[in-house]
Amino acid sequence: MAPASEFTPFPGLPSEPEVLIETPRFSWVKWRADGRVDFISPVPCPYNYGCIPGHQADDGDPLDVVVLGPRLSRGTRVKVPVVGVVDFIDAGRGDPKVICSASPMSAGERAGVERFFSVYALFKRGLHRVRGQVPDTRFRGWLAGPFGEPRTR
Protein backbone atom coordinates (compact mmCIF):
# COMPACT_ATOMS: atom_id res chain seq x y z
CA MET A 1 0.00 0.00 0.00
CA ALA A 2 1.30 3.47 -0.85
CA PRO A 3 1.96 5.97 1.98
CA ALA A 4 -1.09 7.91 3.14
CA SER A 5 0.53 11.20 2.09
CA GLU A 6 0.02 10.14 -1.55
CA PHE A 7 -3.74 10.12 -0.94
CA THR A 8 -4.01 13.77 0.05
CA PRO A 9 -4.46 16.17 -2.88
CA PHE A 10 -4.53 19.21 -0.57
CA PRO A 11 -1.39 21.28 -0.01
CA GLY A 12 -0.23 21.17 3.59
CA LEU A 13 -2.59 18.39 4.65
CA PRO A 14 -0.70 15.99 6.90
CA SER A 15 -0.92 12.23 6.35
CA GLU A 16 -2.26 11.96 9.93
CA PRO A 17 -4.34 15.10 10.57
CA GLU A 18 -6.02 16.13 13.80
CA VAL A 19 -9.75 15.64 13.24
CA LEU A 20 -12.54 17.35 15.19
CA ILE A 21 -15.58 15.05 15.48
CA GLU A 22 -18.79 17.04 14.89
CA THR A 23 -21.26 14.18 14.31
CA PRO A 24 -20.60 10.90 16.15
CA ARG A 25 -21.23 7.56 14.47
CA PHE A 26 -24.95 6.59 14.65
CA SER A 27 -26.03 10.20 15.30
CA TRP A 28 -29.25 11.48 13.73
CA VAL A 29 -28.16 15.13 13.86
CA LYS A 30 -25.69 16.61 11.32
CA TRP A 31 -23.91 19.55 12.89
CA ARG A 32 -22.31 22.46 11.02
CA ALA A 33 -18.72 23.52 11.65
CA ASP A 34 -19.99 26.55 13.59
CA GLY A 35 -21.93 24.33 16.02
CA ARG A 36 -25.40 24.90 14.54
CA VAL A 37 -27.63 22.02 13.46
CA ASP A 38 -27.45 21.54 9.68
CA PHE A 39 -30.20 18.93 9.49
CA ILE A 40 -31.76 15.95 11.22
CA SER A 41 -31.31 12.81 9.17
CA PRO A 42 -34.01 10.20 8.54
CA VAL A 43 -31.34 7.57 9.25
CA PRO A 44 -28.34 7.64 11.59
CA CYS A 45 -24.90 8.37 10.13
CA PRO A 46 -22.87 5.14 9.95
CA TYR A 47 -19.58 7.04 10.44
CA ASN A 48 -17.93 9.58 12.69
CA TYR A 49 -18.15 12.80 10.69
CA GLY A 50 -16.01 15.83 11.36
CA CYS A 51 -13.51 18.26 9.94
CA ILE A 52 -9.88 19.25 9.87
CA PRO A 53 -9.77 22.73 11.41
CA GLY A 54 -7.55 25.11 9.47
CA HIS A 55 -8.07 23.36 6.10
CA GLN A 56 -10.89 24.58 3.85
CA ALA A 57 -12.74 22.99 0.96
CA ASP A 58 -13.95 24.96 -2.09
CA ASP A 59 -17.23 25.64 -0.27
CA GLY A 60 -15.41 27.71 2.37
CA ASP A 61 -16.19 25.28 5.19
CA PRO A 62 -13.51 23.28 6.99
CA LEU A 63 -12.44 20.16 5.08
CA ASP A 64 -14.83 17.28 5.88
CA VAL A 65 -13.57 14.00 7.30
CA VAL A 66 -15.12 10.59 7.85
CA VAL A 67 -13.40 8.55 10.56
CA LEU A 68 -13.93 4.81 10.28
CA GLY A 69 -14.08 2.71 13.43
CA PRO A 70 -15.89 2.88 16.75
CA ARG A 71 -18.13 5.76 17.80
CA LEU A 72 -16.30 8.89 18.98
CA SER A 73 -17.93 11.60 21.10
CA ARG A 74 -18.85 14.97 19.64
CA GLY A 75 -16.01 17.42 20.26
CA THR A 76 -13.34 14.71 20.37
CA ARG A 77 -10.06 15.58 18.65
CA VAL A 78 -8.16 12.60 17.29
CA LYS A 79 -5.13 12.12 15.04
CA VAL A 80 -5.95 9.47 12.43
CA PRO A 81 -4.14 8.45 9.22
CA VAL A 82 -5.68 9.37 5.85
CA VAL A 83 -6.65 6.27 3.82
CA GLY A 84 -8.49 7.94 0.93
CA VAL A 85 -10.31 11.01 -0.38
CA VAL A 86 -13.82 11.01 -1.86
CA ASP A 87 -14.68 13.44 -4.66
CA PHE A 88 -17.96 15.14 -3.75
CA ILE A 89 -19.75 18.17 -5.19
CA ASP A 90 -22.18 20.00 -2.88
CA ALA A 91 -24.19 22.98 -4.07
CA GLY A 92 -21.99 23.18 -7.17
CA ARG A 93 -18.74 23.46 -5.22
CA GLY A 94 -15.96 21.01 -4.50
CA ASP A 95 -16.55 19.43 -1.10
CA PRO A 96 -14.14 16.47 -0.89
CA LYS A 97 -14.35 14.09 2.04
CA VAL A 98 -11.12 12.85 3.61
CA ILE A 99 -11.45 9.26 4.81
CA CYS A 100 -9.37 8.40 7.89
CA SER A 101 -8.87 5.13 9.72
CA ALA A 102 -6.48 3.68 12.26
CA SER A 103 -6.21 0.58 10.05
CA PRO A 104 -6.18 -0.03 6.28
CA MET A 105 -9.59 0.25 4.64
CA SER A 106 -11.12 -3.08 3.68
CA ALA A 107 -12.96 -3.69 0.42
CA GLY A 108 -16.22 -3.81 2.42
CA GLU A 109 -15.48 -0.47 4.06
CA ARG A 110 -14.66 1.06 0.69
CA ALA A 111 -17.97 -0.20 -0.74
CA GLY A 112 -19.80 1.12 2.33
CA VAL A 113 -18.25 4.59 1.92
CA GLU A 114 -19.26 4.62 -1.76
CA ARG A 115 -22.86 3.59 -0.96
CA PHE A 116 -23.08 6.13 1.85
CA PHE A 117 -21.94 9.07 -0.29
CA SER A 118 -24.13 8.01 -3.23
CA VAL A 119 -27.21 8.06 -0.95
CA TYR A 120 -25.97 11.17 0.90
CA ALA A 121 -25.80 13.04 -2.43
CA LEU A 122 -29.45 12.15 -3.16
CA PHE A 123 -30.49 13.28 0.31
CA LYS A 124 -28.54 16.55 0.06
CA ARG A 125 -30.08 17.30 -3.37
CA GLY A 126 -33.52 16.87 -1.83
CA LEU A 127 -32.58 19.04 1.13
CA HIS A 128 -31.31 21.78 -1.20
CA ARG A 129 -34.59 21.67 -3.16
CA VAL A 130 -36.63 21.98 0.05
CA ARG A 131 -34.49 25.00 0.94
CA GLY A 132 -35.32 26.55 -2.45
CA GLN A 133 -32.01 25.75 -4.12
CA VAL A 134 -31.41 23.45 -7.08
CA PRO A 135 -27.63 23.06 -7.11
CA ASP A 136 -25.36 20.38 -8.49
CA THR A 137 -24.76 17.88 -5.66
CA ARG A 138 -23.20 14.50 -6.39
CA PHE A 139 -20.69 11.81 -5.44
CA ARG A 140 -18.03 11.49 -8.17
CA GLY A 141 -15.96 8.59 -6.86
CA TRP A 142 -12.49 8.57 -5.38
CA LEU A 143 -9.95 11.36 -5.76
CA ALA A 144 -7.36 9.14 -4.14
CA GLY A 145 -7.22 5.97 -2.13
CA PRO A 146 -5.58 2.68 -1.38
CA PHE A 147 -7.38 0.80 -4.18
CA GLY A 148 -5.49 2.19 -7.15
CA GLU A 149 -3.54 5.20 -8.27
CA PRO A 150 -4.83 8.67 -7.37
CA ARG A 151 -6.88 10.04 -10.25
CA THR A 152 -6.88 13.57 -11.52
CA ARG A 153 -9.97 15.74 -11.61
C-alpha atoms as a PDB file:
ATOM      1  CA  MET A   1       0.000   0.000   0.000  1.00  0.00           C
ATOM      2  CA  ALA A   2       1.296   3.474  -0.845  1.00  0.00           C
ATOM      3  CA  PRO A   3       1.957   5.970   1.980  1.00  0.00           C
ATOM      4  CA  ALA A   4      -1.089   7.912   3.143  1.00  0.00           C
ATOM      5  CA  SER A   5       0.527  11.195   2.086  1.00  0.00           C
ATOM      6  CA  GLU A   6       0.021  10.142  -1.553  1.00  0.00           C
ATOM      7  CA  PHE A   7      -3.742  10.117  -0.942  1.00  0.00           C
ATOM      8  CA  THR A   8      -4.008  13.770   0.048  1.00  0.00           C
ATOM      9  CA  PRO A   9      -4.465  16.172  -2.883  1.00  0.00           C
ATOM     10  CA  PHE A  10      -4.530  19.207  -0.575  1.00  0.00           C
ATOM     11  CA  PRO A  11      -1.393  21.282  -0.011  1.00  0.00           C
ATOM     12  CA  GLY A  12      -0.230  21.169   3.593  1.00  0.00           C
ATOM     13  CA  LEU A  13      -2.594  18.395   4.646  1.00  0.00           C
ATOM     14  CA  PRO A  14      -0.695  15.986   6.897  1.00  0.00           C
ATOM     15  CA  SER A  15      -0.920  12.234   6.348  1.00  0.00           C
ATOM     16  CA  GLU A  16      -2.259  11.956   9.926  1.00  0.00           C
ATOM     17  CA  PRO A  17      -4.343  15.105  10.567  1.00  0.00           C
ATOM     18  CA  GLU A  18      -6.020  16.125  13.800  1.00  0.00           C
ATOM     19  CA  VAL A  19      -9.751  15.645  13.235  1.00  0.00           C
ATOM     20  CA  LEU A  20     -12.541  17.345  15.190  1.00  0.00           C
ATOM     21  CA  ILE A  21     -15.583  15.048  15.482  1.00  0.00           C
ATOM     22  CA  GLU A  22     -18.790  17.036  14.885  1.00  0.00           C
ATOM     23  CA  THR A  23     -21.255  14.181  14.311  1.00  0.00           C
ATOM     24  CA  PRO A  24     -20.601  10.896  16.145  1.00  0.00           C
ATOM     25  CA  ARG A  25     -21.233   7.558  14.470  1.00  0.00           C
ATOM     26  CA  PHE A  26     -24.945   6.589  14.653  1.00  0.00           C
ATOM     27  CA  SER A  27     -26.029  10.202  15.301  1.00  0.00           C
ATOM     28  CA  TRP A  28     -29.247  11.478  13.726  1.00  0.00           C
ATOM     29  CA  VAL A  29     -28.156  15.126  13.856  1.00  0.00           C
ATOM     30  CA  LYS A  30     -25.695  16.612  11.315  1.00  0.00           C
ATOM     31  CA  TRP A  31     -23.912  19.551  12.886  1.00  0.00           C
ATOM     32  CA  ARG A  32     -22.310  22.462  11.016  1.00  0.00           C
ATOM     33  CA  ALA A  33     -18.720  23.519  11.646  1.00  0.00           C
ATOM     34  CA  ASP A  34     -19.991  26.550  13.593  1.00  0.00           C
ATOM     35  CA  GLY A  35     -21.935  24.326  16.024  1.00  0.00           C
ATOM     36  CA  ARG A  36     -25.402  24.904  14.540  1.00  0.00           C
ATOM     37  CA  VAL A  37     -27.626  22.019  13.457  1.00  0.00           C
ATOM     38  CA  ASP A  38     -27.448  21.541   9.676  1.00  0.00           C
ATOM     39  CA  PHE A  39     -30.201  18.929   9.488  1.00  0.00           C
ATOM     40  CA  ILE A  40     -31.759  15.949  11.219  1.00  0.00           C
ATOM     41  CA  SER A  41     -31.310  12.813   9.170  1.00  0.00           C
ATOM     42  CA  PRO A  42     -34.011  10.203   8.535  1.00  0.00           C
ATOM     43  CA  VAL A  43     -31.336   7.569   9.255  1.00  0.00           C
ATOM     44  CA  PRO A  44     -28.337   7.640  11.591  1.00  0.00           C
ATOM     45  CA  CYS A  45     -24.903   8.369  10.125  1.00  0.00           C
ATOM     46  CA  PRO A  46     -22.871   5.138   9.948  1.00  0.00           C
ATOM     47  CA  TYR A  47     -19.577   7.042  10.441  1.00  0.00           C
ATOM     48  CA  ASN A  48     -17.926   9.579  12.689  1.00  0.00           C
ATOM     49  CA  TYR A  49     -18.151  12.801  10.691  1.00  0.00           C
ATOM     50  CA  GLY A  50     -16.010  15.826  11.360  1.00  0.00           C
ATOM     51  CA  CYS A  51     -13.514  18.262   9.938  1.00  0.00           C
ATOM     52  CA  ILE A  52      -9.883  19.249   9.872  1.00  0.00           C
ATOM     53  CA  PRO A  53      -9.775  22.730  11.407  1.00  0.00           C
ATOM     54  CA  GLY A  54      -7.555  25.111   9.468  1.00  0.00           C
ATOM     55  CA  HIS A  55      -8.069  23.364   6.103  1.00  0.00           C
ATOM     56  CA  GLN A  56     -10.886  24.575   3.850  1.00  0.00           C
ATOM     57  CA  ALA A  57     -12.742  22.986   0.958  1.00  0.00           C
ATOM     58  CA  ASP A  58     -13.945  24.964  -2.086  1.00  0.00           C
ATOM     59  CA  ASP A  59     -17.233  25.644  -0.268  1.00  0.00           C
ATOM     60  CA  GLY A  60     -15.406  27.713   2.373  1.00  0.00           C
ATOM     61  CA  ASP A  61     -16.187  25.282   5.193  1.00  0.00           C
ATOM     62  CA  PRO A  62     -13.513  23.276   6.994  1.00  0.00           C
ATOM     63  CA  LEU A  63     -12.437  20.159   5.082  1.00  0.00           C
ATOM     64  CA  ASP A  64     -14.829  17.282   5.881  1.00  0.00           C
ATOM     65  CA  VAL A  65     -13.575  14.000   7.296  1.00  0.00           C
ATOM     66  CA  VAL A  66     -15.120  10.587   7.850  1.00  0.00           C
ATOM     67  CA  VAL A  67     -13.398   8.548  10.563  1.00  0.00           C
ATOM     68  CA  LEU A  68     -13.928   4.808  10.277  1.00  0.00           C
ATOM     69  CA  GLY A  69     -14.081   2.709  13.427  1.00  0.00           C
ATOM     70  CA  PRO A  70     -15.894   2.879  16.753  1.00  0.00           C
ATOM     71  CA  ARG A  71     -18.130   5.764  17.797  1.00  0.00           C
ATOM     72  CA  LEU A  72     -16.297   8.888  18.980  1.00  0.00           C
ATOM     73  CA  SER A  73     -17.929  11.595  21.103  1.00  0.00           C
ATOM     74  CA  ARG A  74     -18.847  14.971  19.635  1.00  0.00           C
ATOM     75  CA  GLY A  75     -16.015  17.421  20.255  1.00  0.00           C
ATOM     76  CA  THR A  76     -13.342  14.710  20.370  1.00  0.00           C
ATOM     77  CA  ARG A  77     -10.063  15.584  18.647  1.00  0.00           C
ATOM     78  CA  VAL A  78      -8.159  12.601  17.293  1.00  0.00           C
ATOM     79  CA  LYS A  79      -5.133  12.117  15.042  1.00  0.00           C
ATOM     80  CA  VAL A  80      -5.946   9.468  12.432  1.00  0.00           C
ATOM     81  CA  PRO A  81      -4.143   8.450   9.215  1.00  0.00           C
ATOM     82  CA  VAL A  82      -5.678   9.370   5.853  1.00  0.00           C
ATOM     83  CA  VAL A  83      -6.650   6.272   3.820  1.00  0.00           C
ATOM     84  CA  GLY A  84      -8.492   7.944   0.927  1.00  0.00           C
ATOM     85  CA  VAL A  85     -10.310  11.005  -0.383  1.00  0.00           C
ATOM     86  CA  VAL A  86     -13.818  11.009  -1.857  1.00  0.00           C
ATOM     87  CA  ASP A  87     -14.679  13.444  -4.661  1.00  0.00           C
ATOM     88  CA  PHE A  88     -17.964  15.141  -3.748  1.00  0.00           C
ATOM     89  CA  ILE A  89     -19.750  18.172  -5.189  1.00  0.00           C
ATOM     90  CA  ASP A  90     -22.183  19.998  -2.881  1.00  0.00           C
ATOM     91  CA  ALA A  91     -24.189  22.983  -4.074  1.00  0.00           C
ATOM     92  CA  GLY A  92     -21.988  23.177  -7.167  1.00  0.00           C
ATOM     93  CA  ARG A  93     -18.739  23.463  -5.223  1.00  0.00           C
ATOM     94  CA  GLY A  94     -15.957  21.007  -4.501  1.00  0.00           C
ATOM     95  CA  ASP A  95     -16.545  19.426  -1.104  1.00  0.00           C
ATOM     96  CA  PRO A  96     -14.138  16.471  -0.892  1.00  0.00           C
ATOM     97  CA  LYS A  97     -14.346  14.091   2.041  1.00  0.00           C
ATOM     98  CA  VAL A  98     -11.123  12.852   3.611  1.00  0.00           C
ATOM     99  CA  ILE A  99     -11.446   9.261   4.810  1.00  0.00           C
ATOM    100  CA  CYS A 100      -9.372   8.400   7.885  1.00  0.00           C
ATOM    101  CA  SER A 101      -8.865   5.135   9.716  1.00  0.00           C
ATOM    102  CA  ALA A 102      -6.475   3.675  12.259  1.00  0.00           C
ATOM    103  CA  SER A 103      -6.210   0.577  10.047  1.00  0.00           C
ATOM    104  CA  PRO A 104      -6.181  -0.029   6.277  1.00  0.00           C
ATOM    105  CA  MET A 105      -9.589   0.254   4.642  1.00  0.00           C
ATOM    106  CA  SER A 106     -11.121  -3.082   3.679  1.00  0.00           C
ATOM    107  CA  ALA A 107     -12.962  -3.687   0.417  1.00  0.00           C
ATOM    108  CA  GLY A 108     -16.215  -3.807   2.418  1.00  0.00           C
ATOM    109  CA  GLU A 109     -15.479  -0.468   4.063  1.00  0.00           C
ATOM    110  CA  ARG A 110     -14.662   1.058   0.690  1.00  0.00           C
ATOM    111  CA  ALA A 111     -17.971  -0.195  -0.744  1.00  0.00           C
ATOM    112  CA  GLY A 112     -19.802   1.124   2.331  1.00  0.00           C
ATOM    113  CA  VAL A 113     -18.255   4.591   1.916  1.00  0.00           C
ATOM    114  CA  GLU A 114     -19.257   4.619  -1.764  1.00  0.00           C
ATOM    115  CA  ARG A 115     -22.856   3.594  -0.960  1.00  0.00           C
ATOM    116  CA  PHE A 116     -23.077   6.133   1.845  1.00  0.00           C
ATOM    117  CA  PHE A 117     -21.942   9.072  -0.293  1.00  0.00           C
ATOM    118  CA  SER A 118     -24.134   8.009  -3.233  1.00  0.00           C
ATOM    119  CA  VAL A 119     -27.207   8.057  -0.955  1.00  0.00           C
ATOM    120  CA  TYR A 120     -25.968  11.165   0.903  1.00  0.00           C
ATOM    121  CA  ALA A 121     -25.802  13.039  -2.431  1.00  0.00           C
ATOM    122  CA  LEU A 122     -29.452  12.152  -3.161  1.00  0.00           C
ATOM    123  CA  PHE A 123     -30.495  13.276   0.311  1.00  0.00           C
ATOM    124  CA  LYS A 124     -28.535  16.549   0.061  1.00  0.00           C
ATOM    125  CA  ARG A 125     -30.077  17.305  -3.371  1.00  0.00           C
ATOM    126  CA  GLY A 126     -33.525  16.869  -1.831  1.00  0.00           C
ATOM    127  CA  LEU A 127     -32.577  19.039   1.132  1.00  0.00           C
ATOM    128  CA  HIS A 128     -31.309  21.778  -1.203  1.00  0.00           C
ATOM    129  CA  ARG A 129     -34.592  21.674  -3.157  1.00  0.00           C
ATOM    130  CA  VAL A 130     -36.629  21.977   0.050  1.00  0.00           C
ATOM    131  CA  ARG A 131     -34.492  25.002   0.939  1.00  0.00           C
ATOM    132  CA  GLY A 132     -35.318  26.554  -2.450  1.00  0.00           C
ATOM    133  CA  GLN A 133     -32.010  25.752  -4.119  1.00  0.00           C
ATOM    134  CA  VAL A 134     -31.406  23.451  -7.077  1.00  0.00           C
ATOM    135  CA  PRO A 135     -27.633  23.061  -7.111  1.00  0.00           C
ATOM    136  CA  ASP A 136     -25.364  20.378  -8.486  1.00  0.00           C
ATOM    137  CA  THR A 137     -24.756  17.876  -5.661  1.00  0.00           C
ATOM    138  CA  ARG A 138     -23.200  14.496  -6.391  1.00  0.00           C
ATOM    139  CA  PHE A 139     -20.694  11.812  -5.442  1.00  0.00           C
ATOM    140  CA  ARG A 140     -18.032  11.494  -8.173  1.00  0.00           C
ATOM    141  CA  GLY A 141     -15.958   8.594  -6.855  1.00  0.00           C
ATOM    142  CA  TRP A 142     -12.490   8.572  -5.375  1.00  0.00           C
ATOM    143  CA  LEU A 143      -9.949  11.360  -5.763  1.00  0.00           C
ATOM    144  CA  ALA A 144      -7.356   9.139  -4.138  1.00  0.00           C
ATOM    145  CA  GLY A 145      -7.216   5.975  -2.128  1.00  0.00           C
ATOM    146  CA  PRO A 146      -5.583   2.678  -1.380  1.00  0.00           C
ATOM    147  CA  PHE A 147      -7.383   0.803  -4.176  1.00  0.00           C
ATOM    148  CA  GLY A 148      -5.490   2.195  -7.149  1.00  0.00           C
ATOM    149  CA  GLU A 149      -3.545   5.198  -8.270  1.00  0.00           C
ATOM    150  CA  PRO A 150      -4.831   8.671  -7.372  1.00  0.00           C
ATOM    151  CA  ARG A 151      -6.880  10.037 -10.249  1.00  0.00           C
ATOM    152  CA  THR A 152      -6.875  13.567 -11.523  1.00  0.00           C
ATOM    153  CA  ARG A 153      -9.971  15.741 -11.614  1.00  0.00           C
END
